[in-house]
Amino acid sequence: MNPDIEKNLGEQPIAKIMAEHNMKPHDLVAASAEQLTHKMVARAVKGRRLTPNAKSKVLRALNKATGKNYTLTNLFNY
């Protein structure tokens, strides 16, 4: 593991989007048809670095729950 990679990146834009839609992490977990956990959503909001697969799961759940068409660049700034 590379010690130079920063893991904690601060609150991500997904937090603001979820707040605008009055959504909690559970809303994304419930909307997801995949293995999405509360922990994955919490890490996404806090800015903990996620794998590309986990980021995609969060994206698909958010799009399904809101009915909008967000992209990864709308949700994450890394």
PDB file of N, CA and C in Angstrom:
ATOM      1  N   MET A   1       0.844  -1.189   0.000  1.00  0.00           N
ATOM      2  CA  MET A   1       0.000   0.000   0.000  1.00  0.00           C
ATOM      3  C   MET A   1       0.880   1.239   0.000  1.00  0.00           C
ATOM      4  N   ASN A   2       0.530   2.198  -0.781  1.00  0.00           N
ATOM      5  CA  ASN A   2       1.305   3.414  -0.922  1.00  0.00           C
ATOM      6  C   ASN A   2       0.979   4.385   0.213  1.00  0.00           C
ATOM      7  N   PRO A   3       1.963   4.715   1.068  1.00  0.00           N
ATOM      8  CA  PRO A   3       1.690   5.614   2.192  1.00  0.00           C
ATOM      9  C   PRO A   3       1.468   7.060   1.779  1.00  0.00           C
ATOM     10  N   ASP A   4       1.798   7.401   0.519  1.00  0.00           N
ATOM     11  CA  ASP A   4       1.633   8.773   0.049  1.00  0.00           C
ATOM     12  C   ASP A   4       0.203   9.106  -0.360  1.00  0.00           C
ATOM     13  N   ILE A   5      -0.660   8.096  -0.514  1.00  0.00           N
ATOM     14  CA  ILE A   5      -2.040   8.334  -0.934  1.00  0.00           C
ATOM     15  C   ILE A   5      -2.877   8.760   0.272  1.00  0.00           C
ATOM     16  N   GLU A   6      -3.521   9.910   0.144  1.00  0.00           N
ATOM     17  CA  GLU A   6      -4.382  10.415   1.204  1.00  0.00           C
ATOM     18  C   GLU A   6      -5.706   9.662   1.169  1.00  0.00           C
ATOM     19  N   LYS A   7      -6.131   9.149   2.321  1.00  0.00           N
ATOM     20  CA  LYS A   7      -7.367   8.368   2.375  1.00  0.00           C
ATOM     21  C   LYS A   7      -8.567   9.220   2.761  1.00  0.00           C
ATOM     22  N   ASN A   8      -8.376  10.189   3.626  1.00  0.00           N
ATOM     23  CA  ASN A   8      -9.471  11.033   4.070  1.00  0.00           C
ATOM     24  C   ASN A   8      -9.459  12.333   3.268  1.00  0.00           C
ATOM     25  N   LEU A   9     -10.486  12.520   2.469  1.00  0.00           N
ATOM     26  CA  LEU A   9     -10.500  13.632   1.525  1.00  0.00           C
ATOM     27  C   LEU A   9     -11.538  14.699   1.866  1.00  0.00           C
ATOM     28  N   GLY A  10     -12.120  14.647   3.030  1.00  0.00           N
ATOM     29  CA  GLY A  10     -13.104  15.644   3.426  1.00  0.00           C
ATOM     30  C   GLY A  10     -14.473  15.369   2.829  1.00  0.00           C
ATOM     31  N   GLU A  11     -15.454  16.096   3.342  1.00  0.00           N
ATOM     32  CA  GLU A  11     -16.826  15.878   2.885  1.00  0.00           C
ATOM     33  C   GLU A  11     -16.932  16.035   1.377  1.00  0.00           C
ATOM     34  N   GLN A  12     -17.651  15.129   0.750  1.00  0.00           N
ATOM     35  CA  GLN A  12     -17.787  15.076  -0.699  1.00  0.00           C
ATOM     36  C   GLN A  12     -19.095  15.727  -1.156  1.00  0.00           C
ATOM     37  N   PRO A  13     -19.183  16.100  -2.432  1.00  0.00           N
ATOM     38  CA  PRO A  13     -20.413  16.701  -2.971  1.00  0.00           C
ATOM     39  C   PRO A  13     -21.656  15.823  -2.794  1.00  0.00           C
ATOM     40  N   ILE A  14     -21.473  14.511  -2.676  1.00  0.00           N
ATOM     41  CA  ILE A  14     -22.629  13.630  -2.470  1.00  0.00           C
ATOM     42  C   ILE A  14     -23.379  14.002  -1.193  1.00  0.00           C
ATOM     43  N   ALA A  15     -22.683  14.507  -0.188  1.00  0.00           N
ATOM     44  CA  ALA A  15     -23.330  14.894   1.069  1.00  0.00           C
ATOM     45  C   ALA A  15     -24.342  16.018   0.825  1.00  0.00           C
ATOM     46  N   LYS A  16     -23.967  16.996   0.022  1.00  0.00           N
ATOM     47  CA  LYS A  16     -24.865  18.120  -0.291  1.00  0.00           C
ATOM     48  C   LYS A  16     -26.056  17.643  -1.120  1.00  0.00           C
ATOM     49  N   ILE A  17     -25.788  16.766  -2.089  1.00  0.00           N
ATOM     50  CA  ILE A  17     -26.867  16.238  -2.933  1.00  0.00           C
ATOM     51  C   ILE A  17     -27.874  15.469  -2.086  1.00  0.00           C
ATOM     52  N   MET A  18     -27.373  14.633  -1.182  1.00  0.00           N
ATOM     53  CA  MET A  18     -28.274  13.872  -0.310  1.00  0.00           C
ATOM     54  C   MET A  18     -29.068  14.806   0.591  1.00  0.00           C
ATOM     55  N   ALA A  19     -28.442  15.867   1.095  1.00  0.00           N
ATOM     56  CA  ALA A  19     -29.145  16.833   1.951  1.00  0.00           C
ATOM     57  C   ALA A  19     -30.239  17.562   1.173  1.00  0.00           C
ATOM     58  N   GLU A  20     -29.961  17.901  -0.082  1.00  0.00           N
ATOM     59  CA  GLU A  20     -30.958  18.581  -0.924  1.00  0.00           C
ATOM     60  C   GLU A  20     -32.201  17.717  -1.129  1.00  0.00           C
ATOM     61  N   HIS A  21     -32.011  16.413  -1.172  1.00  0.00           N
ATOM     62  CA  HIS A  21     -33.118  15.482  -1.382  1.00  0.00           C
ATOM     63  C   HIS A  21     -33.649  14.908  -0.059  1.00  0.00           C
ATOM     64  N   ASN A  22     -33.172  15.448   1.070  1.00  0.00           N
ATOM     65  CA  ASN A  22     -33.553  14.972   2.405  1.00  0.00           C
ATOM     66  C   ASN A  22     -33.377  13.455   2.521  1.00  0.00           C
ATOM     67  N   MET A  23     -32.233  12.981   2.094  1.00  0.00           N
ATOM     68  CA  MET A  23     -31.956  11.544   2.098  1.00  0.00           C
ATOM     69  C   MET A  23     -30.962  11.180   3.194  1.00  0.00           C
ATOM     70  N   LYS A  24     -31.148  10.013   3.737  1.00  0.00           N
ATOM     71  CA  LYS A  24     -30.237   9.426   4.711  1.00  0.00           C
ATOM     72  C   LYS A  24     -29.507   8.275   4.025  1.00  0.00           C
ATOM     73  N   PRO A  25     -28.384   7.818   4.590  1.00  0.00           N
ATOM     74  CA  PRO A  25     -27.692   6.666   3.999  1.00  0.00           C
ATOM     75  C   PRO A  25     -28.606   5.461   3.792  1.00  0.00           C
ATOM     76  N   HIS A  26     -29.543   5.260   4.698  1.00  0.00           N
ATOM     77  CA  HIS A  26     -30.442   4.111   4.566  1.00  0.00           C
ATOM     78  C   HIS A  26     -31.280   4.185   3.290  1.00  0.00           C
ATOM     79  N   ASP A  27     -31.613   5.396   2.857  1.00  0.00           N
ATOM     80  CA  ASP A  27     -32.400   5.553   1.625  1.00  0.00           C
ATOM     81  C   ASP A  27     -31.647   5.009   0.414  1.00  0.00           C
ATOM     82  N   LEU A  28     -30.335   5.224   0.384  1.00  0.00           N
ATOM     83  CA  LEU A  28     -29.540   4.685  -0.723  1.00  0.00           C
ATOM     84  C   LEU A  28     -29.412   3.175  -0.631  1.00  0.00           C
ATOM     85  N   VAL A  29     -29.202   2.677   0.574  1.00  0.00           N
ATOM     86  CA  VAL A  29     -29.081   1.228   0.759  1.00  0.00           C
ATOM     87  C   VAL A  29     -30.381   0.550   0.349  1.00  0.00           C
ATOM     88  N   ALA A  30     -31.510   1.120   0.727  1.00  0.00           N
ATOM     89  CA  ALA A  30     -32.804   0.536   0.391  1.00  0.00           C
ATOM     90  C   ALA A  30     -33.076   0.603  -1.114  1.00  0.00           C
ATOM     91  N   ALA A  31     -32.610   1.656  -1.775  1.00  0.00           N
ATOM     92  CA  ALA A  31     -32.850   1.813  -3.214  1.00  0.00           C
ATOM     93  C   ALA A  31     -31.957   0.903  -4.052  1.00  0.00           C
ATOM     94  N   SER A  32     -30.850   0.476  -3.490  1.00  0.00           N
ATOM     95  CA  SER A  32     -29.883  -0.304  -4.256  1.00  0.00           C
ATOM     96  C   SER A  32     -30.326  -1.752  -4.412  1.00  0.00           C
ATOM     97  N   ALA A  33     -30.152  -2.268  -5.622  1.00  0.00           N
ATOM     98  CA  ALA A  33     -30.421  -3.678  -5.886  1.00  0.00           C
ATOM     99  C   ALA A  33     -29.137  -4.495  -5.730  1.00  0.00           C
ATOM    100  N   GLU A  34     -28.045  -3.802  -5.420  1.00  0.00           N
ATOM    101  CA  GLU A  34     -26.737  -4.445  -5.277  1.00  0.00           C
ATOM    102  C   GLU A  34     -26.362  -4.544  -3.801  1.00  0.00           C
ATOM    103  N   GLN A  35     -25.182  -5.082  -3.558  1.00  0.00           N
ATOM    104  CA  GLN A  35     -24.671  -5.190  -2.194  1.00  0.00           C
ATOM    105  C   GLN A  35     -24.075  -3.849  -1.785  1.00  0.00           C
ATOM    106  N   LEU A  36     -24.905  -2.915  -1.398  1.00  0.00           N
ATOM    107  CA  LEU A  36     -24.467  -1.614  -0.914  1.00  0.00           C
ATOM    108  C   LEU A  36     -24.745  -1.569   0.572  1.00  0.00           C
ATOM    109  N   THR A  37     -23.739  -1.187   1.351  1.00  0.00           N
ATOM    110  CA  THR A  37     -23.895  -1.173   2.806  1.00  0.00           C
ATOM    111  C   THR A  37     -23.960   0.267   3.322  1.00  0.00           C
ATOM    112  N   HIS A  38     -24.469   0.392   4.538  1.00  0.00           N
ATOM    113  CA  HIS A  38     -24.509   1.697   5.188  1.00  0.00           C
ATOM    114  C   HIS A  38     -23.089   2.234   5.352  1.00  0.00           C
ATOM    115  N   LYS A  39     -22.156   1.351   5.632  1.00  0.00           N
ATOM    116  CA  LYS A  39     -20.771   1.754   5.826  1.00  0.00           C
ATOM    117  C   LYS A  39     -20.185   2.345   4.540  1.00  0.00           C
ATOM    118  N   MET A  40     -20.500   1.756   3.404  1.00  0.00           N
ATOM    119  CA  MET A  40     -20.010   2.280   2.124  1.00  0.00           C
ATOM    120  C   MET A  40     -20.547   3.690   1.883  1.00  0.00           C
ATOM    121  N   VAL A  41     -21.810   3.894   2.168  1.00  0.00           N
ATOM    122  CA  VAL A  41     -22.420   5.212   1.959  1.00  0.00           C
ATOM    123  C   VAL A  41     -21.816   6.224   2.920  1.00  0.00           C
ATOM    124  N   ALA A  42     -21.641   5.829   4.175  1.00  0.00           N
ATOM    125  CA  ALA A  42     -21.059   6.729   5.170  1.00  0.00           C
ATOM    126  C   ALA A  42     -19.637   7.126   4.772  1.00  0.00           C
ATOM    127  N   ARG A  43     -18.874   6.180   4.267  1.00  0.00           N
ATOM    128  CA  ARG A  43     -17.510   6.472   3.827  1.00  0.00           C
ATOM    129  C   ARG A  43     -17.520   7.396   2.613  1.00  0.00           C
ATOM    130  N   ALA A  44     -18.470   7.211   1.719  1.00  0.00           N
ATOM    131  CA  ALA A  44     -18.568   8.071   0.537  1.00  0.00           C
ATOM    132  C   ALA A  44     -18.840   9.519   0.941  1.00  0.00           C
ATOM    133  N   VAL A  45     -19.746   9.708   1.883  1.00  0.00           N
ATOM    134  CA  VAL A  45     -20.123  11.052   2.324  1.00  0.00           C
ATOM    135  C   VAL A  45     -18.963  11.737   3.053  1.00  0.00           C
ATOM    136  N   LYS A  46     -18.268  10.991   3.897  1.00  0.00           N
ATOM    137  CA  LYS A  46     -17.183  11.559   4.692  1.00  0.00           C
ATOM    138  C   LYS A  46     -15.922  11.834   3.891  1.00  0.00           C
ATOM    139  N   GLY A  47     -15.812  11.231   2.704  1.00  0.00           N
ATOM    140  CA  GLY A  47     -14.639  11.467   1.890  1.00  0.00           C
ATOM    141  C   GLY A  47     -13.561  10.423   2.063  1.00  0.00           C
ATOM    142  N   ARG A  48     -13.935   9.291   2.562  1.00  0.00           N
ATOM    143  CA  ARG A  48     -12.994   8.175   2.663  1.00  0.00           C
ATOM    144  C   ARG A  48     -12.866   7.579   1.267  1.00  0.00           C
ATOM    145  N   ARG A  49     -11.657   7.341   0.814  1.00  0.00           N
ATOM    146  CA  ARG A  49     -11.435   6.864  -0.560  1.00  0.00           C
ATOM    147  C   ARG A  49     -12.108   5.509  -0.778  1.00  0.00           C
ATOM    148  N   LEU A  50     -12.939   5.419  -1.831  1.00  0.00           N
ATOM    149  CA  LEU A  50     -13.647   4.185  -2.171  1.00  0.00           C
ATOM    150  C   LEU A  50     -13.054   3.571  -3.428  1.00  0.00           C
ATOM    151  N   THR A  51     -13.305   2.286  -3.600  1.00  0.00           N
ATOM    152  CA  THR A  51     -12.896   1.614  -4.834  1.00  0.00           C
ATOM    153  C   THR A  51     -13.811   2.086  -5.966  1.00  0.00           C
ATOM    154  N   PRO A  52     -13.361   1.973  -7.191  1.00  0.00           N
ATOM    155  CA  PRO A  52     -14.231   2.355  -8.322  1.00  0.00           C
ATOM    156  C   PRO A  52     -15.557   1.584  -8.323  1.00  0.00           C
ATOM    157  N   ASN A  53     -15.528   0.319  -7.925  1.00  0.00           N
ATOM    158  CA  ASN A  53     -16.749  -0.486  -7.877  1.00  0.00           C
ATOM    159  C   ASN A  53     -17.724   0.069  -6.831  1.00  0.00           C
ATOM    160  N   ALA A  54     -17.224   0.409  -5.663  1.00  0.00           N
ATOM    161  CA  ALA A  54     -18.077   0.953  -4.597  1.00  0.00           C
ATOM    162  C   ALA A  54     -18.651   2.308  -5.003  1.00  0.00           C
ATOM    163  N   LYS A  55     -17.836   3.144  -5.646  1.00  0.00           N
ATOM    164  CA  LYS A  55     -18.324   4.440  -6.107  1.00  0.00           C
ATOM    165  C   LYS A  55     -19.459   4.263  -7.117  1.00  0.00           C
ATOM    166  N   SER A  56     -19.319   3.287  -7.992  1.00  0.00           N
ATOM    167  CA  SER A  56     -20.362   3.029  -8.991  1.00  0.00           C
ATOM    168  C   SER A  56     -21.651   2.547  -8.346  1.00  0.00           C
ATOM    169  N   LYS A  57     -21.543   1.722  -7.322  1.00  0.00           N
ATOM    170  CA  LYS A  57     -22.738   1.251  -6.612  1.00  0.00           C
ATOM    171  C   LYS A  57     -23.473   2.415  -5.955  1.00  0.00           C
ATOM    172  N   VAL A  58     -22.718   3.311  -5.323  1.00  0.00           N
ATOM    173  CA  VAL A  58     -23.318   4.486  -4.687  1.00  0.00           C
ATOM    174  C   VAL A  58     -23.993   5.360  -5.745  1.00  0.00           C
ATOM    175  N   LEU A  59     -23.333   5.552  -6.865  1.00  0.00           N
ATOM    176  CA  LEU A  59     -23.888   6.357  -7.959  1.00  0.00           C
ATOM    177  C   LEU A  59     -25.202   5.773  -8.463  1.00  0.00           C
ATOM    178  N   ARG A  60     -25.216   4.471  -8.743  1.00  0.00           N
ATOM    179  CA  ARG A  60     -26.444   3.843  -9.260  1.00  0.00           C
ATOM    180  C   ARG A  60     -27.585   3.921  -8.234  1.00  0.00           C
ATOM    181  N   ALA A  61     -27.274   3.743  -6.968  1.00  0.00           N
ATOM    182  CA  ALA A  61     -28.306   3.828  -5.924  1.00  0.00           C
ATOM    183  C   ALA A  61     -28.856   5.247  -5.826  1.00  0.00           C
ATOM    184  N   LEU A  62     -27.984   6.242  -5.884  1.00  0.00           N
ATOM    185  CA  LEU A  62     -28.435   7.634  -5.803  1.00  0.00           C
ATOM    186  C   LEU A  62     -29.306   7.997  -7.008  1.00  0.00           C
ATOM    187  N   ASN A  63     -28.887   7.586  -8.191  1.00  0.00           N
ATOM    188  CA  ASN A  63     -29.689   7.869  -9.394  1.00  0.00           C
ATOM    189  C   ASN A  63     -31.056   7.208  -9.311  1.00  0.00           C
ATOM    190  N   LYS A  64     -31.101   5.991  -8.809  1.00  0.00           N
ATOM    191  CA  LYS A  64     -32.380   5.285  -8.682  1.00  0.00           C
ATOM    192  C   LYS A  64     -33.269   5.947  -7.632  1.00  0.00           C
ATOM    193  N   ALA A  65     -32.672   6.350  -6.512  1.00  0.00           N
ATOM    194  CA  ALA A  65     -33.456   6.938  -5.420  1.00  0.00           C
ATOM    195  C   ALA A  65     -33.974   8.338  -5.758  1.00  0.00           C
ATOM    196  N   THR A  66     -33.193   9.108  -6.514  1.00  0.00           N
ATOM    197  CA  THR A  66     -33.603  10.483  -6.818  1.00  0.00           C
ATOM    198  C   THR A  66     -34.323  10.614  -8.150  1.00  0.00           C
ATOM    199  N   GLY A  67     -34.156   9.631  -9.035  1.00  0.00           N
ATOM    200  CA  GLY A  67     -34.750   9.728 -10.356  1.00  0.00           C
ATOM    201  C   GLY A  67     -33.986  10.663 -11.278  1.00  0.00           C
ATOM    202  N   LYS A  68     -32.797  11.089 -10.857  1.00  0.00           N
ATOM    203  CA  LYS A  68     -31.975  11.984 -11.674  1.00  0.00           C
ATOM    204  C   LYS A  68     -30.836  11.176 -12.278  1.00  0.00           C
ATOM    205  N   ASN A  69     -29.996  11.848 -13.039  1.00  0.00           N
ATOM    206  CA  ASN A  69     -28.913  11.165 -13.730  1.00  0.00           C
ATOM    207  C   ASN A  69     -27.573  11.819 -13.383  1.00  0.00           C
ATOM    208  N   TYR A  70     -27.089  11.598 -12.162  1.00  0.00           N
ATOM    209  CA  TYR A  70     -25.810  12.144 -11.724  1.00  0.00           C
ATOM    210  C   TYR A  70     -24.665  11.320 -12.304  1.00  0.00           C
ATOM    211  N   THR A  71     -23.478  11.919 -12.319  1.00  0.00           N
ATOM    212  CA  THR A  71     -22.270  11.211 -12.739  1.00  0.00           C
ATOM    213  C   THR A  71     -21.316  11.141 -11.548  1.00  0.00           C
ATOM    214  N   LEU A  72     -20.266  10.356 -11.682  1.00  0.00           N
ATOM    215  CA  LEU A  72     -19.292  10.232 -10.587  1.00  0.00           C
ATOM    216  C   LEU A  72     -18.649  11.576 -10.279  1.00  0.00           C
ATOM    217  N   THR A  73     -18.467  12.417 -11.278  1.00  0.00           N
ATOM    218  CA  THR A  73     -17.850  13.722 -11.027  1.00  0.00           C
ATOM    219  C   THR A  73     -18.778  14.654 -10.249  1.00  0.00           C
ATOM    220  N   ASN A  74     -20.083  14.393 -10.293  1.00  0.00           N
ATOM    221  CA  ASN A  74     -21.033  15.168  -9.478  1.00  0.00           C
ATOM    222  C   ASN A  74     -20.950  14.773  -8.013  1.00  0.00           C
ATOM    223  N   LEU A  75     -20.571  13.530  -7.737  1.00  0.00           N
ATOM    224  CA  LEU A  75     -20.608  12.994  -6.376  1.00  0.00           C
ATOM    225  C   LEU A  75     -19.286  13.062  -5.637  1.00  0.00           C
ATOM    226  N   PHE A  76     -18.203  12.932  -6.368  1.00  0.00           N
ATOM    227  CA  PHE A  76     -16.891  12.829  -5.739  1.00  0.00           C
ATOM    228  C   PHE A  76     -15.927  13.819  -6.370  1.00  0.00           C
ATOM    229  N   ASN A  77     -15.039  14.386  -5.542  1.00  0.00           N
ATOM    230  CA  ASN A  77     -14.052  15.334  -6.075  1.00  0.00           C
ATOM    231  C   ASN A  77     -12.642  14.738  -6.080  1.00  0.00           C
ATOM    232  N   TYR A  78     -12.565  13.432  -6.155  1.00  0.00           N
ATOM    233  CA  TYR A  78     -11.257  12.769  -6.290  1.00  0.00           C
ATOM    234  C   TYR A  78     -11.308  11.720  -7.366  1.00  0.00           C
TER     235      TYR A  78
END
